[in-house]
Protein backbone atom coordinates (compact mmCIF):
# COMPACT_ATOMS: atom_id res chain seq x y z
CA UNK A 1 -34.67 -30.83 12.34
CA UNK A 2 -34.00 -30.62 8.60
CA UNK A 3 -36.74 -28.40 7.05
CA UNK A 4 -38.21 -29.78 3.82
CA UNK A 5 -37.32 -33.39 4.59
CA UNK A 6 -40.91 -34.55 4.30
CA UNK A 7 -41.67 -33.27 0.80
CA UNK A 8 -38.30 -34.32 -0.43
CA UNK A 9 -38.57 -37.83 0.84
CA UNK A 10 -42.13 -38.27 -0.38
CA UNK A 11 -41.18 -36.99 -3.89
CA UNK A 12 -38.31 -39.46 -3.99
CA UNK A 13 -40.49 -42.44 -2.91
CA UNK A 14 -43.06 -41.66 -5.61
CA UNK A 15 -40.46 -41.15 -8.30
CA UNK A 16 -38.54 -44.29 -7.32
CA UNK A 17 -41.60 -46.37 -7.97
CA UNK A 18 -41.50 -45.33 -11.57
CA UNK A 19 -37.77 -45.90 -11.82
CA UNK A 20 -37.89 -49.40 -10.35
CA UNK A 21 -40.74 -50.27 -12.78
CA UNK A 22 -38.21 -50.17 -15.58
CA UNK A 23 -35.90 -47.55 -16.95
CA UNK A 24 -35.40 -49.17 -20.36
CA UNK A 25 -39.03 -48.62 -21.27
CA UNK A 26 -38.64 -44.88 -21.33
CA UNK A 27 -37.51 -44.93 -25.00
CA UNK A 28 -40.84 -46.45 -26.10
CA UNK A 29 -42.67 -43.66 -24.40
CA UNK A 30 -40.69 -41.00 -26.34
CA UNK A 31 -41.13 -42.89 -29.69
CA UNK A 32 -44.93 -43.31 -29.58
CA UNK A 33 -46.44 -42.22 -32.86
CA UNK A 34 -49.83 -41.35 -31.38
CA UNK A 35 -50.81 -37.65 -31.91
CA UNK A 36 -50.32 -35.44 -28.87
CA UNK A 37 -53.42 -34.89 -26.77
CA UNK A 38 -54.91 -31.47 -26.42
CA UNK A 39 -53.93 -30.04 -23.03
CA UNK A 40 -54.70 -26.83 -21.26
CA UNK A 41 -51.78 -24.40 -21.01
CA UNK A 42 -50.02 -24.20 -17.68
CA UNK A 43 -48.36 -21.15 -16.31
CA UNK A 44 -44.57 -21.26 -16.40
CA UNK A 45 -43.05 -21.97 -13.04
CA UNK A 46 -40.30 -19.87 -11.42
CA UNK A 47 -36.84 -21.16 -12.00
CA UNK A 48 -34.76 -22.40 -14.91
CA UNK A 49 -36.89 -24.58 -17.24
CA UNK A 50 -34.91 -27.51 -18.49
CA UNK A 51 -37.62 -29.66 -20.03
CA UNK A 52 -41.28 -29.56 -21.15
CA UNK A 53 -43.51 -32.67 -21.11
CA UNK A 54 -46.75 -31.89 -22.82
CA UNK A 55 -48.11 -28.91 -20.81
CA UNK A 56 -45.86 -29.60 -17.81
CA UNK A 57 -42.50 -28.02 -17.06
CA UNK A 58 -39.45 -29.42 -15.25
CA UNK A 59 -37.09 -26.91 -13.71
CA UNK A 60 -33.50 -27.16 -12.86
CA UNK A 61 -34.35 -26.65 -9.21
CA UNK A 62 -36.80 -29.61 -9.31
CA UNK A 63 -34.08 -31.81 -10.83
CA UNK A 64 -31.58 -30.72 -8.21
CA UNK A 65 -34.06 -31.53 -5.37
CA UNK A 66 -34.69 -34.87 -6.87
CA UNK A 67 -30.96 -35.66 -7.36
CA UNK A 68 -30.28 -34.66 -3.74
CA UNK A 69 -33.02 -36.94 -2.39
CA UNK A 70 -32.06 -39.77 -4.73
CA UNK A 71 -28.40 -39.64 -3.58
CA UNK A 72 -29.40 -39.36 0.07
CA UNK A 73 -31.60 -42.45 -0.11
CA UNK A 74 -28.83 -44.56 -1.76
CA UNK A 75 -26.33 -43.39 0.88
CA UNK A 76 -28.75 -44.22 3.74
CA UNK A 77 -29.42 -47.68 2.22
CA UNK A 78 -25.66 -48.40 2.06
CA UNK A 79 -25.21 -47.41 5.67
CA UNK A 80 -28.04 -49.73 6.83
CA UNK A 81 -27.05 -52.63 4.51
CA UNK A 82 -23.30 -52.22 3.88
CA UNK A 83 -22.97 -55.78 2.46
CA UNK A 84 -25.73 -55.51 -0.11
CA UNK A 85 -25.34 -54.32 -3.73
CA UNK A 86 -28.44 -52.38 -4.74
CA UNK A 87 -27.27 -51.99 -8.34
CA UNK A 88 -27.62 -48.18 -8.22
CA UNK A 89 -25.01 -45.41 -8.13
CA UNK A 90 -25.31 -41.87 -6.87
CA UNK A 91 -25.95 -39.29 -9.59
CA UNK A 92 -22.93 -36.99 -9.45
CA UNK A 93 -21.91 -36.34 -13.05
CA UNK A 94 -23.86 -34.27 -15.60
CA UNK A 95 -24.67 -37.39 -17.67
CA UNK A 96 -26.02 -39.22 -14.64
CA UNK A 97 -28.30 -36.24 -13.76
CA UNK A 98 -29.55 -36.13 -17.36
CA UNK A 99 -30.27 -39.89 -17.14
CA UNK A 100 -32.33 -39.31 -14.02
CA UNK A 101 -34.15 -36.48 -15.79
CA UNK A 102 -35.02 -38.75 -18.75
CA UNK A 103 -35.65 -42.01 -16.95
CA UNK A 104 -37.27 -40.81 -13.75
CA UNK A 105 -38.74 -37.26 -13.80
CA UNK A 106 -39.98 -37.31 -17.40
CA UNK A 107 -41.31 -40.79 -16.98
CA UNK A 108 -43.21 -39.64 -13.91
CA UNK A 109 -44.66 -36.58 -15.74
CA UNK A 110 -45.77 -38.74 -18.66
CA UNK A 111 -47.61 -41.26 -16.54
CA UNK A 112 -49.05 -38.47 -14.36
CA UNK A 113 -50.56 -36.67 -17.34
CA UNK A 114 -52.02 -39.93 -18.68
CA UNK A 115 -53.62 -40.60 -15.26
CA UNK A 116 -55.17 -37.14 -15.34
CA UNK A 117 -56.42 -37.63 -18.96
CA UNK A 118 -58.07 -40.87 -17.87
CA UNK A 119 -59.85 -39.03 -15.02
CA UNK A 120 -58.22 -41.17 -12.33
CA UNK A 121 -57.91 -38.10 -10.08
CA UNK A 122 -61.71 -37.96 -9.93
CA UNK A 123 -62.05 -41.52 -8.62
CA UNK A 124 -63.44 -41.54 -5.09
CA UNK A 125 -60.73 -43.59 -3.54
CA UNK A 126 -58.03 -41.58 -5.25
CA UNK A 127 -59.60 -38.28 -4.11
CA UNK A 128 -59.80 -39.59 -0.57
CA UNK A 129 -56.21 -40.75 -0.62
CA UNK A 130 -55.04 -37.33 -2.02
CA UNK A 131 -56.94 -35.54 0.68
CA UNK A 132 -55.37 -37.68 3.39
CA UNK A 133 -51.96 -37.30 1.83
CA UNK A 134 -52.40 -33.52 1.78
CA UNK A 135 -53.50 -33.53 5.44
CA UNK A 136 -50.62 -35.75 6.56
CA UNK A 137 -48.11 -33.65 4.62
CA UNK A 138 -49.41 -30.47 6.18
CA UNK A 139 -49.38 -31.98 9.67
CA UNK A 140 -45.84 -33.15 9.17
CA UNK A 141 -44.81 -29.73 7.89
CA UNK A 142 -46.35 -27.96 10.88
CA UNK A 143 -44.81 -30.32 13.31
CA UNK A 144 -41.42 -29.81 11.64
CA UNK A 145 -41.92 -26.03 11.98
CA UNK A 146 -42.86 -26.27 15.64
CA UNK A 147 -39.95 -28.53 16.66
CA UNK A 148 -37.42 -26.51 14.67
CA UNK A 149 -37.82 -23.80 17.25
CA UNK A 150 -36.80 -26.17 20.04
CA UNK A 151 -33.31 -25.61 21.45
CA UNK A 152 -31.39 -27.16 24.26
CA UNK A 153 -28.83 -25.06 26.08
CA UNK A 154 -25.46 -26.20 27.48
CA UNK A 155 -26.75 -25.21 30.95
CA UNK A 156 -29.75 -27.50 30.60
CA UNK A 157 -27.52 -30.45 29.66
CA UNK A 158 -25.22 -29.82 32.66
CA UNK A 159 -28.15 -29.42 35.08
CA UNK A 160 -29.66 -32.70 33.90
CA UNK A 161 -26.35 -34.53 34.33
CA UNK A 162 -25.73 -33.14 37.81
CA UNK A 163 -29.36 -33.94 38.91
CA UNK A 164 -29.49 -37.47 37.56
CA UNK A 165 -25.93 -38.82 38.06
CA UNK A 166 -27.22 -41.84 40.01
CA UNK A 167 -29.51 -42.78 37.19
CA UNK A 168 -26.53 -42.81 34.76
CA UNK A 169 -24.24 -45.12 36.66
CA UNK A 170 -23.02 -48.05 34.55
CA UNK A 171 -23.87 -51.57 35.55
CA UNK A 172 -21.66 -53.02 38.25
CA UNK A 173 -20.00 -56.40 37.57
CA UNK A 174 -18.80 -58.75 40.29
CA UNK A 175 -16.16 -61.50 40.13
CA UNK A 176 -17.82 -64.44 41.89
CA UNK A 177 -16.67 -67.83 43.24
CA UNK A 178 -19.34 -70.46 43.86
CA UNK A 179 -19.88 -73.74 45.65
CA UNK A 180 -22.88 -75.77 44.57
CA UNK A 181 -24.13 -78.90 46.33
CA UNK A 182 -27.20 -81.16 46.06
CA UNK A 183 -28.01 -81.06 49.81
CA UNK A 184 -28.19 -78.42 52.52
CA UNK A 185 -26.03 -80.51 54.85
CA UNK A 186 -23.23 -80.69 52.33
CA UNK A 187 -23.46 -76.96 51.80
CA UNK A 188 -23.27 -76.39 55.54
CA UNK A 189 -20.19 -78.59 55.87
CA UNK A 190 -18.54 -76.71 52.96
CA UNK A 191 -19.35 -73.37 54.59
CA UNK A 192 -17.89 -74.50 57.87
CA UNK A 193 -14.60 -75.37 56.25
CA UNK A 194 -14.46 -71.98 54.51
CA UNK A 195 -15.22 -70.18 57.80
CA UNK A 196 -12.50 -72.16 59.50
CA UNK A 197 -10.02 -70.79 57.06
CA UNK A 198 -9.81 -73.35 54.29
CA UNK A 199 -9.28 -71.67 50.92
CA UNK A 200 -12.61 -71.18 49.09
CA UNK A 201 -11.22 -72.58 45.86
CA UNK A 202 -10.06 -75.79 47.55
CA UNK A 203 -13.47 -76.29 49.18
CA UNK A 204 -15.15 -75.72 45.82
CA UNK A 205 -12.99 -78.42 44.19
CA UNK A 206 -13.89 -80.86 47.02
CA UNK A 207 -17.62 -80.24 47.33
CA UNK A 208 -19.03 -78.40 44.31
CA UNK A 209 -21.02 -80.27 41.60
CA UNK A 210 -20.86 -77.26 39.30
CA UNK A 211 -18.89 -77.27 36.04
CA UNK A 212 -16.89 -74.44 37.73
CA UNK A 213 -15.52 -76.85 40.40
CA UNK A 214 -12.38 -77.65 38.44
CA UNK A 215 -11.57 -73.89 38.38
CA UNK A 216 -12.15 -73.53 42.12
CA UNK A 217 -15.68 -72.33 41.60
CA UNK A 218 -14.61 -69.35 39.49
CA UNK A 219 -17.59 -67.86 37.64
CA UNK A 220 -15.67 -64.85 36.44
CA UNK A 221 -17.22 -61.40 36.27
CA UNK A 222 -21.02 -61.60 36.15
CA UNK A 223 -24.03 -59.30 36.06
CA UNK A 224 -27.48 -59.65 37.59
CA UNK A 225 -29.57 -62.30 35.82
CA UNK A 226 -26.86 -64.80 35.52
CA UNK A 227 -28.75 -67.19 37.79
CA UNK A 228 -31.83 -67.00 39.99
CA UNK A 229 -32.98 -63.86 41.85
CA UNK A 230 -31.85 -65.07 45.37
CA UNK A 231 -28.37 -65.64 43.93
CA UNK A 232 -28.23 -62.04 42.67
CA UNK A 233 -29.48 -60.66 45.99
CA UNK A 234 -26.65 -62.52 47.89
CA UNK A 235 -23.93 -61.57 45.36
CA UNK A 236 -24.84 -57.87 45.36
CA UNK A 237 -25.36 -57.55 49.05
CA UNK A 238 -21.89 -58.85 49.91
CA UNK A 239 -18.87 -56.63 50.50
CA UNK A 240 -15.63 -57.29 48.69
CA UNK A 241 -13.97 -60.53 49.84
CA UNK A 242 -16.96 -61.70 51.88
CA UNK A 243 -18.69 -65.07 51.72
CA UNK A 244 -22.46 -65.70 51.76
CA UNK A 245 -24.53 -68.08 53.91
CA UNK A 246 -26.18 -71.07 52.18
CA UNK A 247 -28.54 -70.07 49.35
CA UNK A 248 -31.31 -72.41 48.14
CA UNK A 249 -32.20 -72.39 44.43
CA UNK A 250 -36.03 -72.47 44.51
CA UNK A 251 -36.17 -74.01 41.03
CA UNK A 252 -33.75 -76.89 41.50
CA UNK A 253 -32.31 -79.17 44.14
CA UNK A 254 -29.19 -77.00 44.51
CA UNK A 255 -27.58 -75.16 47.42
CA UNK A 256 -25.09 -72.35 46.82
CA UNK A 257 -22.33 -70.55 48.69
CA UNK A 258 -20.80 -67.47 47.01
CA UNK A 259 -17.83 -65.24 47.52
CA UNK A 260 -17.12 -61.83 45.94
CA UNK A 261 -13.51 -61.65 44.65
CA UNK A 262 -13.64 -58.29 42.92
CA UNK A 263 -15.94 -55.49 41.83
CA UNK A 264 -15.73 -53.38 38.70
CA UNK A 265 -17.90 -50.92 36.87
CA UNK A 266 -20.77 -48.96 38.45
CA UNK A 267 -19.12 -45.62 37.90
CA UNK A 268 -20.91 -42.64 36.34
CA UNK A 269 -19.52 -41.70 32.95
CA UNK A 270 -18.10 -38.22 32.59
CA UNK A 271 -20.40 -35.59 31.07
CA UNK A 272 -18.22 -35.38 27.96
CA UNK A 273 -19.22 -38.96 27.05
CA UNK A 274 -22.87 -38.46 27.78
CA UNK A 275 -23.30 -35.00 26.30
CA UNK A 276 -24.77 -35.95 22.90
CA UNK A 277 -27.13 -38.59 24.48
CA UNK A 278 -28.47 -36.17 27.02
CA UNK A 279 -28.88 -33.38 24.46
CA UNK A 280 -30.88 -35.68 22.18
CA UNK A 281 -33.05 -36.90 25.04
CA UNK A 282 -33.78 -33.35 26.19
CA UNK A 283 -34.42 -32.14 22.67
CA UNK A 284 -36.96 -34.95 21.99
CA UNK A 285 -38.66 -34.25 25.36
CA UNK A 286 -38.95 -30.54 24.57
CA UNK A 287 -40.16 -31.25 21.07
CA UNK A 288 -42.93 -33.46 22.50
CA UNK A 289 -43.83 -30.79 25.01
CA UNK A 290 -44.09 -28.17 22.22
CA UNK A 291 -46.37 -30.34 20.15
CA UNK A 292 -48.52 -31.27 23.25
CA UNK A 293 -48.83 -27.60 24.14
CA UNK A 294 -49.91 -26.70 20.62
CA UNK A 295 -52.55 -29.45 20.58
CA UNK A 296 -53.82 -28.39 24.03
CA UNK A 297 -54.15 -24.77 22.88
CA UNK A 298 -56.01 -25.83 19.64
CA UNK A 299 -58.24 -28.19 21.66
CA UNK A 300 -59.42 -25.22 23.75
CA UNK A 301 -59.85 -22.96 20.74
CA UNK A 302 -61.66 -25.33 18.41
CA UNK A 303 -64.95 -27.09 19.28
CA UNK A 304 -64.52 -30.80 19.28
CA UNK A 305 -67.55 -33.04 19.30
CA UNK A 306 -67.03 -36.76 19.63
CA UNK A 307 -70.09 -39.00 18.99
CA UNK A 308 -69.02 -42.13 20.97
CA UNK A 309 -72.40 -43.68 20.49
CA UNK A 310 -71.76 -44.02 16.78
CA UNK A 311 -68.42 -45.79 17.15
CA UNK A 312 -68.70 -49.54 16.55
């Protein structure tokens, strides 16, 4: 799992909200003639300082993180919606990075400081949201830390493949011929002719009311679910080249006779084709187990009191 993905993504989402609100208005923010507000000094951060906004600092490292997240989000959007033009380009040149600094990060700092000056951080709903945000961020960070230690070995992948080969068989398709009649007696007569040696396709052309009659009853290769359940049972219980008895469609006045012409599929794919899928599945399973084990351990260590009577 990519460490730091949660803070990076969250920072991008917040910053983008300012960017989308309108880049062109940033000039008016710089050109205000109102006197600067008195602010408390802030300790200089570690890193290379590239801008100051009132009492706040912006470092080169902060800009680099923002640019990386910005470019990643644009790339992801293009992969998901390749035919849509979002009107934004990745920031790759020095000028583009400076534009992001001016139009995004500085804009964000200006509005943030104004929000603090207005005391919005002291509003009850904002304080609650900030506490919940902090809790969710810490939970996500801890989960990321726990699952980062999860590893799936080659031996585990091979063992899973060898143990579960039957579960990984592809769906079997069957090439089917059909005869469909409106009465059981007609179906029986058609079946007798087939059993006496008349070619199935000729009997289908003579008796069948299906749209496939002109093709000798040829349905082509089909999979389960093409028709009703009894039809599937008959088709998949027949050996290659065999013909069924008469099958009644319980939902319509129809009687079927089917023959299996060919069988394909149903093989287990080689491990090389399934390797990545098995690795991902095992990794996700082990990650869930790691989180469940942590929660179980904490549940035993920390007293939890649930007042169900107070829940409405």
